[in-house]
Amino acid sequence: MYVSYSNLDPISQEMLPDAMDGVIVAVERSIVSEIPTRFGFMLDGHMRRSNILRSSPAMK
C-alpha cells in the first residue's frame, strides 16, 4: 500500500537550496518588521547591543 503525505510535486536537489534561501529571506523580513532597529540582548550575563542584520556594524 502506498501512502502519500503531501500533495506537492517533488523537487530536484538543485531546487532545494534556492527554495530554502527563499524561506530564509521571508523569515528575516518578517523578523525585521516585528522588532525595532536598535535593541539589546543578554548572553551569559553580559549585556550586548546590536542590530538585527548580520551585515550591520555593531553599535558603540
PDB file of N, CA and C in Angstrom:
ATOM      1  N   MET A   1       0.838  -1.176   0.000  1.00  0.00           N
ATOM      2  CA  MET A   1       0.000   0.000   0.000  1.00  0.00           C
ATOM      3  C   MET A   1       0.886   1.243   0.000  1.00  0.00           C
ATOM      4  N   TYR A   2       0.560   2.237  -0.824  1.00  0.00           N
ATOM      5  CA  TYR A   2       1.317   3.477  -0.966  1.00  0.00           C
ATOM      6  C   TYR A   2       0.540   4.608  -0.298  1.00  0.00           C
ATOM      7  N   VAL A   3       1.204   5.338   0.592  1.00  0.00           N
ATOM      8  CA  VAL A   3       0.570   6.465   1.277  1.00  0.00           C
ATOM      9  C   VAL A   3       1.331   7.726   0.903  1.00  0.00           C
ATOM     10  N   SER A   4       0.617   8.719   0.427  1.00  0.00           N
ATOM     11  CA  SER A   4       1.226   9.999   0.090  1.00  0.00           C
ATOM     12  C   SER A   4       0.991  10.979   1.233  1.00  0.00           C
ATOM     13  N   TYR A   5       2.062  11.560   1.746  1.00  0.00           N
ATOM     14  CA  TYR A   5       1.956  12.514   2.844  1.00  0.00           C
ATOM     15  C   TYR A   5       1.902  13.953   2.347  1.00  0.00           C
ATOM     16  N   SER A   6       1.995  14.153   1.063  1.00  0.00           N
ATOM     17  CA  SER A   6       1.984  15.504   0.521  1.00  0.00           C
ATOM     18  C   SER A   6       1.336  15.503  -0.848  1.00  0.00           C
ATOM     19  N   ASN A   7       0.653  16.576  -1.134  1.00  0.00           N
ATOM     20  CA  ASN A   7       0.100  16.724  -2.472  1.00  0.00           C
ATOM     21  C   ASN A   7       0.978  17.645  -3.318  1.00  0.00           C
ATOM     22  N   LEU A   8       2.196  17.937  -2.836  1.00  0.00           N
ATOM     23  CA  LEU A   8       3.126  18.788  -3.567  1.00  0.00           C
ATOM     24  C   LEU A   8       3.932  17.963  -4.558  1.00  0.00           C
ATOM     25  N   ASP A   9       4.327  18.606  -5.637  1.00  0.00           N
ATOM     26  CA  ASP A   9       5.187  17.944  -6.612  1.00  0.00           C
ATOM     27  C   ASP A   9       6.596  17.803  -6.031  1.00  0.00           C
ATOM     28  N   PRO A  10       7.294  16.726  -6.343  1.00  0.00           N
ATOM     29  CA  PRO A  10       8.674  16.593  -5.877  1.00  0.00           C
ATOM     30  C   PRO A  10       9.568  17.637  -6.546  1.00  0.00           C
ATOM     31  N   ILE A  11      10.644  18.018  -5.857  1.00  0.00           N
ATOM     32  CA  ILE A  11      11.588  18.979  -6.430  1.00  0.00           C
ATOM     33  C   ILE A  11      12.956  18.325  -6.526  1.00  0.00           C
ATOM     34  N   SER A  12      13.820  18.919  -7.338  1.00  0.00           N
ATOM     35  CA  SER A  12      15.154  18.358  -7.534  1.00  0.00           C
ATOM     36  C   SER A  12      16.103  18.829  -6.440  1.00  0.00           C
ATOM     37  N   GLN A  13      17.221  18.164  -6.362  1.00  0.00           N
ATOM     38  CA  GLN A  13      18.258  18.515  -5.402  1.00  0.00           C
ATOM     39  C   GLN A  13      18.787  19.920  -5.674  1.00  0.00           C
ATOM     40  N   GLU A  14      18.787  20.338  -6.917  1.00  0.00           N
ATOM     41  CA  GLU A  14      19.269  21.668  -7.274  1.00  0.00           C
ATOM     42  C   GLU A  14      18.281  22.754  -6.851  1.00  0.00           C
ATOM     43  N   MET A  15      17.000  22.446  -6.837  1.00  0.00           N
ATOM     44  CA  MET A  15      15.986  23.439  -6.483  1.00  0.00           C
ATOM     45  C   MET A  15      15.873  23.650  -4.978  1.00  0.00           C
ATOM     46  N   LEU A  16      16.236  22.662  -4.180  1.00  0.00           N
ATOM     47  CA  LEU A  16      16.062  22.746  -2.733  1.00  0.00           C
ATOM     48  C   LEU A  16      16.818  23.916  -2.098  1.00  0.00           C
ATOM     49  N   PRO A  17      18.113  24.132  -2.403  1.00  0.00           N
ATOM     50  CA  PRO A  17      18.802  25.281  -1.792  1.00  0.00           C
ATOM     51  C   PRO A  17      18.143  26.619  -2.139  1.00  0.00           C
ATOM     52  N   ASP A  18      17.683  26.783  -3.366  1.00  0.00           N
ATOM     53  CA  ASP A  18      17.012  28.023  -3.754  1.00  0.00           C
ATOM     54  C   ASP A  18      15.714  28.204  -2.980  1.00  0.00           C
ATOM     55  N   ALA A  19      14.984  27.125  -2.799  1.00  0.00           N
ATOM     56  CA  ALA A  19      13.738  27.198  -2.038  1.00  0.00           C
ATOM     57  C   ALA A  19      14.018  27.540  -0.581  1.00  0.00           C
ATOM     58  N   MET A  20      15.042  26.944  -0.007  1.00  0.00           N
ATOM     59  CA  MET A  20      15.393  27.232   1.383  1.00  0.00           C
ATOM     60  C   MET A  20      15.880  28.666   1.545  1.00  0.00           C
ATOM     61  N   ASP A  21      16.633  29.178   0.569  1.00  0.00           N
ATOM     62  CA  ASP A  21      17.061  30.577   0.615  1.00  0.00           C
ATOM     63  C   ASP A  21      15.855  31.504   0.619  1.00  0.00           C
ATOM     64  N   GLY A  22      14.842  31.169  -0.156  1.00  0.00           N
ATOM     65  CA  GLY A  22      13.617  31.965  -0.174  1.00  0.00           C
ATOM     66  C   GLY A  22      12.916  31.966   1.168  1.00  0.00           C
ATOM     67  N   VAL A  23      12.926  30.830   1.843  1.00  0.00           N
ATOM     68  CA  VAL A  23      12.322  30.743   3.180  1.00  0.00           C
ATOM     69  C   VAL A  23      13.106  31.608   4.162  1.00  0.00           C
ATOM     70  N   ILE A  24      14.427  31.546   4.094  1.00  0.00           N
ATOM     71  CA  ILE A  24      15.267  32.341   4.994  1.00  0.00           C
ATOM     72  C   ILE A  24      15.004  33.826   4.797  1.00  0.00           C
ATOM     73  N   VAL A  25      14.944  34.284   3.556  1.00  0.00           N
ATOM     74  CA  VAL A  25      14.681  35.696   3.268  1.00  0.00           C
ATOM     75  C   VAL A  25      13.319  36.109   3.815  1.00  0.00           C
ATOM     76  N   ALA A  26      12.315  35.280   3.632  1.00  0.00           N
ATOM     77  CA  ALA A  26      10.970  35.601   4.126  1.00  0.00           C
ATOM     78  C   ALA A  26      10.949  35.698   5.650  1.00  0.00           C
ATOM     79  N   VAL A  27      11.634  34.788   6.327  1.00  0.00           N
ATOM     80  CA  VAL A  27      11.680  34.821   7.794  1.00  0.00           C
ATOM     81  C   VAL A  27      12.442  36.049   8.277  1.00  0.00           C
ATOM     82  N   GLU A  28      13.581  36.363   7.639  1.00  0.00           N
ATOM     83  CA  GLU A  28      14.341  37.551   8.027  1.00  0.00           C
ATOM     84  C   GLU A  28      13.502  38.809   7.872  1.00  0.00           C
ATOM     85  N   ARG A  29      12.784  38.938   6.776  1.00  0.00           N
ATOM     86  CA  ARG A  29      11.937  40.115   6.564  1.00  0.00           C
ATOM     87  C   ARG A  29      10.842  40.201   7.617  1.00  0.00           C
ATOM     88  N   SER A  30      10.272  39.076   7.972  1.00  0.00           N
ATOM     89  CA  SER A  30       9.231  39.057   9.000  1.00  0.00           C
ATOM     90  C   SER A  30       9.788  39.497  10.352  1.00  0.00           C
ATOM     91  N   ILE A  31      10.970  39.000  10.701  1.00  0.00           N
ATOM     92  CA  ILE A  31      11.594  39.378  11.967  1.00  0.00           C
ATOM     93  C   ILE A  31      11.920  40.860  11.976  1.00  0.00           C
ATOM     94  N   VAL A  32      12.512  41.359  10.895  1.00  0.00           N
ATOM     95  CA  VAL A  32      12.879  42.771  10.812  1.00  0.00           C
ATOM     96  C   VAL A  32      11.655  43.663  10.960  1.00  0.00           C
ATOM     97  N   SER A  33      10.528  43.254  10.421  1.00  0.00           N
ATOM     98  CA  SER A  33       9.325  44.085  10.511  1.00  0.00           C
ATOM     99  C   SER A  33       8.727  44.090  11.917  1.00  0.00           C
ATOM    100  N   GLU A  34       9.088  43.119  12.755  1.00  0.00           N
ATOM    101  CA  GLU A  34       8.496  42.998  14.090  1.00  0.00           C
ATOM    102  C   GLU A  34       9.313  43.649  15.200  1.00  0.00           C
ATOM    103  N   ILE A  35      10.619  43.792  15.031  1.00  0.00           N
ATOM    104  CA  ILE A  35      11.431  44.327  16.121  1.00  0.00           C
ATOM    105  C   ILE A  35      12.008  45.680  15.735  1.00  0.00           C
ATOM    106  N   PRO A  36      12.354  46.511  16.729  1.00  0.00           N
ATOM    107  CA  PRO A  36      12.923  47.828  16.423  1.00  0.00           C
ATOM    108  C   PRO A  36      14.313  47.706  15.808  1.00  0.00           C
ATOM    109  N   THR A  37      14.759  48.796  15.184  1.00  0.00           N
ATOM    110  CA  THR A  37      16.077  48.817  14.547  1.00  0.00           C
ATOM    111  C   THR A  37      17.183  48.635  15.578  1.00  0.00           C
ATOM    112  N   ARG A  38      17.015  49.266  16.733  1.00  0.00           N
ATOM    113  CA  ARG A  38      18.014  49.150  17.790  1.00  0.00           C
ATOM    114  C   ARG A  38      17.418  48.351  18.944  1.00  0.00           C
ATOM    115  N   PHE A  39      18.162  47.404  19.433  1.00  0.00           N
ATOM    116  CA  PHE A  39      17.700  46.602  20.557  1.00  0.00           C
ATOM    117  C   PHE A  39      18.906  46.028  21.290  1.00  0.00           C
ATOM    118  N   GLY A  40      18.690  45.564  22.487  1.00  0.00           N
ATOM    119  CA  GLY A  40      19.752  44.947  23.267  1.00  0.00           C
ATOM    120  C   GLY A  40      19.373  43.531  23.637  1.00  0.00           C
ATOM    121  N   PHE A  41      20.354  42.717  23.941  1.00  0.00           N
ATOM    122  CA  PHE A  41      20.095  41.362  24.412  1.00  0.00           C
ATOM    123  C   PHE A  41      21.191  40.949  25.383  1.00  0.00           C
ATOM    124  N   MET A  42      20.946  39.920  26.154  1.00  0.00           N
ATOM    125  CA  MET A  42      21.892  39.475  27.165  1.00  0.00           C
ATOM    126  C   MET A  42      22.277  38.018  26.913  1.00  0.00           C
ATOM    127  N   LEU A  43      23.574  37.754  26.923  1.00  0.00           N
ATOM    128  CA  LEU A  43      24.104  36.397  26.801  1.00  0.00           C
ATOM    129  C   LEU A  43      25.065  36.155  27.957  1.00  0.00           C
ATOM    130  N   ASP A  44      24.866  35.091  28.692  1.00  0.00           N
ATOM    131  CA  ASP A  44      25.760  34.717  29.796  1.00  0.00           C
ATOM    132  C   ASP A  44      25.997  35.866  30.770  1.00  0.00           C
ATOM    133  N   GLY A  45      24.972  36.690  31.000  1.00  0.00           N
ATOM    134  CA  GLY A  45      25.086  37.767  31.966  1.00  0.00           C
ATOM    135  C   GLY A  45      25.760  39.016  31.445  1.00  0.00           C
ATOM    136  N   HIS A  46      26.228  39.029  30.206  1.00  0.00           N
ATOM    137  CA  HIS A  46      26.870  40.213  29.638  1.00  0.00           C
ATOM    138  C   HIS A  46      25.899  40.894  28.695  1.00  0.00           C
ATOM    139  N   MET A  47      25.737  42.194  28.865  1.00  0.00           N
ATOM    140  CA  MET A  47      24.811  42.942  28.021  1.00  0.00           C
ATOM    141  C   MET A  47      25.492  43.281  26.700  1.00  0.00           C
ATOM    142  N   ARG A  48      24.783  43.063  25.619  1.00  0.00           N
ATOM    143  CA  ARG A  48      25.270  43.396  24.277  1.00  0.00           C
ATOM    144  C   ARG A  48      24.189  44.188  23.563  1.00  0.00           C
ATOM    145  N   ARG A  49      24.609  45.133  22.735  1.00  0.00           N
ATOM    146  CA  ARG A  49      23.653  45.854  21.910  1.00  0.00           C
ATOM    147  C   ARG A  49      24.038  45.619  20.457  1.00  0.00           C
ATOM    148  N   SER A  50      23.039  45.428  19.605  1.00  0.00           N
ATOM    149  CA  SER A  50      23.334  45.078  18.224  1.00  0.00           C
ATOM    150  C   SER A  50      22.175  45.465  17.329  1.00  0.00           C
ATOM    151  N   ASN A  51      22.391  45.357  16.033  1.00  0.00           N
ATOM    152  CA  ASN A  51      21.336  45.500  15.035  1.00  0.00           C
ATOM    153  C   ASN A  51      20.927  44.113  14.580  1.00  0.00           C
ATOM    154  N   ILE A  52      19.743  43.998  13.994  1.00  0.00           N
ATOM    155  CA  ILE A  52      19.214  42.693  13.604  1.00  0.00           C
ATOM    156  C   ILE A  52      19.988  42.058  12.456  1.00  0.00           C
ATOM    157  N   LEU A  53      20.462  42.831  11.508  1.00  0.00           N
ATOM    158  CA  LEU A  53      21.064  42.259  10.308  1.00  0.00           C
ATOM    159  C   LEU A  53      22.521  41.893  10.546  1.00  0.00           C
ATOM    160  N   ARG A  54      22.928  40.762  10.014  1.00  0.00           N
ATOM    161  CA  ARG A  54      24.306  40.306  10.178  1.00  0.00           C
ATOM    162  C   ARG A  54      25.302  41.286   9.584  1.00  0.00           C
ATOM    163  N   SER A  55      24.922  41.970   8.522  1.00  0.00           N
ATOM    164  CA  SER A  55      25.855  42.848   7.834  1.00  0.00           C
ATOM    165  C   SER A  55      25.962  44.215   8.490  1.00  0.00           C
ATOM    166  N   SER A  56      25.140  44.497   9.496  1.00  0.00           N
ATOM    167  CA  SER A  56      25.177  45.791  10.164  1.00  0.00           C
ATOM    168  C   SER A  56      26.358  45.847  11.120  1.00  0.00           C
ATOM    169  N   PRO A  57      27.025  47.005  11.190  1.00  0.00           N
ATOM    170  CA  PRO A  57      28.125  47.130  12.149  1.00  0.00           C
ATOM    171  C   PRO A  57      27.591  47.168  13.575  1.00  0.00           C
ATOM    172  N   ALA A  58      28.398  46.735  14.521  1.00  0.00           N
ATOM    173  CA  ALA A  58      27.995  46.762  15.933  1.00  0.00           C
ATOM    174  C   ALA A  58      27.938  48.204  16.416  1.00  0.00           C
ATOM    175  N   MET A  59      27.011  48.464  17.317  1.00  0.00           N
ATOM    176  CA  MET A  59      26.863  49.806  17.872  1.00  0.00           C
ATOM    177  C   MET A  59      27.878  50.005  18.985  1.00  0.00           C
ATOM    178  N   LYS A  60      28.263  51.249  19.226  1.00  0.00           N
ATOM    179  CA  LYS A  60      29.189  51.566  20.319  1.00  0.00           C
ATOM    180  C   LYS A  60      28.441  51.617  21.618  1.00  0.00           C
TER     181      LYS A  60
END
